[in-house]
């Protein structure tokens, strides 16, 4: 599924995000969505979320 559309992302969903410090390398971090931080319906770089672990990043893949 597409991580650039807010409608595809729900709390409790397992996703892969890219953290701010990992944007150059593209390293993905896996986690469960706790909060959706992007208010717009679409974002070209991915919807920004906070994981249950407290990490914040943009969704690149949805499991």
C-alpha atoms as a PDB file:
ATOM      1  CA  UNK A   1       0.000   0.000   0.000  1.00  0.00           C
ATOM      2  CA  UNK A   2       0.935   3.609  -0.506  1.00  0.00           C
ATOM      3  CA  UNK A   3       2.467   5.471   2.460  1.00  0.00           C
ATOM      4  CA  UNK A   4       1.828   8.857   0.843  1.00  0.00           C
ATOM      5  CA  UNK A   5      -1.956   8.700   1.421  1.00  0.00           C
ATOM      6  CA  UNK A   6      -3.276   9.394   4.922  1.00  0.00           C
ATOM      7  CA  UNK A   7      -6.387   7.241   4.285  1.00  0.00           C
ATOM      8  CA  UNK A   8      -4.165   4.122   4.027  1.00  0.00           C
ATOM      9  CA  UNK A   9      -2.695   4.599   7.520  1.00  0.00           C
ATOM     10  CA  UNK A  10      -4.505   3.720  10.751  1.00  0.00           C
ATOM     11  CA  UNK A  11      -3.461   3.511  14.398  1.00  0.00           C
ATOM     12  CA  UNK A  12      -2.229   0.023  15.266  1.00  0.00           C
ATOM     13  CA  UNK A  13      -1.001  -0.687  11.722  1.00  0.00           C
ATOM     14  CA  UNK A  14       2.452  -2.242  11.208  1.00  0.00           C
ATOM     15  CA  UNK A  15       4.565   0.033   8.991  1.00  0.00           C
ATOM     16  CA  UNK A  16       8.124   0.735   7.891  1.00  0.00           C
ATOM     17  CA  UNK A  17       9.249   4.342   8.309  1.00  0.00           C
ATOM     18  CA  UNK A  18      12.359   6.302   7.436  1.00  0.00           C
ATOM     19  CA  UNK A  19      13.711   8.382  10.325  1.00  0.00           C
ATOM     20  CA  UNK A  20      15.001  11.921   9.731  1.00  0.00           C
ATOM     21  CA  UNK A  21      18.619  10.862  10.297  1.00  0.00           C
ATOM     22  CA  UNK A  22      18.193   7.886   7.915  1.00  0.00           C
ATOM     23  CA  UNK A  23      16.772   9.845   4.955  1.00  0.00           C
ATOM     24  CA  UNK A  24      20.101   9.836   3.076  1.00  0.00           C
ATOM     25  CA  UNK A  25      20.634   6.086   3.455  1.00  0.00           C
ATOM     26  CA  UNK A  26      16.948   5.103   3.153  1.00  0.00           C
ATOM     27  CA  UNK A  27      17.246   2.723   6.139  1.00  0.00           C
ATOM     28  CA  UNK A  28      13.768   1.604   7.242  1.00  0.00           C
ATOM     29  CA  UNK A  29      12.530   1.150  10.807  1.00  0.00           C
ATOM     30  CA  UNK A  30       9.621  -1.179  11.580  1.00  0.00           C
ATOM     31  CA  UNK A  31       6.934  -0.377  14.130  1.00  0.00           C
ATOM     32  CA  UNK A  32       3.278   0.047  15.048  1.00  0.00           C
ATOM     33  CA  UNK A  33       1.549   3.399  14.397  1.00  0.00           C
ATOM     34  CA  UNK A  34       0.584   5.247  17.596  1.00  0.00           C
ATOM     35  CA  UNK A  35      -0.233   8.705  16.158  1.00  0.00           C
ATOM     36  CA  UNK A  36      -0.611  10.196  12.671  1.00  0.00           C
ATOM     37  CA  UNK A  37       1.184  13.552  12.640  1.00  0.00           C
ATOM     38  CA  UNK A  38       0.557  14.752   9.058  1.00  0.00           C
ATOM     39  CA  UNK A  39      -2.780  16.577   8.792  1.00  0.00           C
ATOM     40  CA  UNK A  40      -2.975  16.771   4.971  1.00  0.00           C
ATOM     41  CA  UNK A  41      -4.513  13.875   3.006  1.00  0.00           C
ATOM     42  CA  UNK A  42      -1.389  13.330   0.866  1.00  0.00           C
ATOM     43  CA  UNK A  43       2.329  13.963   1.238  1.00  0.00           C
ATOM     44  CA  UNK A  44       4.859  13.185  -1.525  1.00  0.00           C
ATOM     45  CA  UNK A  45       7.529  11.919   0.920  1.00  0.00           C
ATOM     46  CA  UNK A  46       5.161   9.858   3.075  1.00  0.00           C
ATOM     47  CA  UNK A  47       2.785  10.533   5.941  1.00  0.00           C
ATOM     48  CA  UNK A  48       4.598  11.402   9.183  1.00  0.00           C
ATOM     49  CA  UNK A  49       3.723   9.117  12.112  1.00  0.00           C
ATOM     50  CA  UNK A  50       4.822   8.397  15.679  1.00  0.00           C
ATOM     51  CA  UNK A  51       5.412   4.743  16.450  1.00  0.00           C
ATOM     52  CA  UNK A  52       4.571   3.056  19.773  1.00  0.00           C
ATOM     53  CA  UNK A  53       8.330   3.100  20.452  1.00  0.00           C
ATOM     54  CA  UNK A  54       8.229   6.917  20.316  1.00  0.00           C
ATOM     55  CA  UNK A  55      10.183   7.186  17.046  1.00  0.00           C
ATOM     56  CA  UNK A  56       8.908   9.664  14.426  1.00  0.00           C
ATOM     57  CA  UNK A  57       9.323   9.267  10.688  1.00  0.00           C
ATOM     58  CA  UNK A  58       7.624   9.098   7.306  1.00  0.00           C
ATOM     59  CA  UNK A  59       5.817   5.942   6.156  1.00  0.00           C
ATOM     60  CA  UNK A  60       7.524   4.209   3.232  1.00  0.00           C
ATOM     61  CA  UNK A  61       5.857   0.767   3.370  1.00  0.00           C
ATOM     62  CA  UNK A  62       2.683  -0.609   4.937  1.00  0.00           C
ATOM     63  CA  UNK A  63       2.497  -4.273   6.002  1.00  0.00           C
END
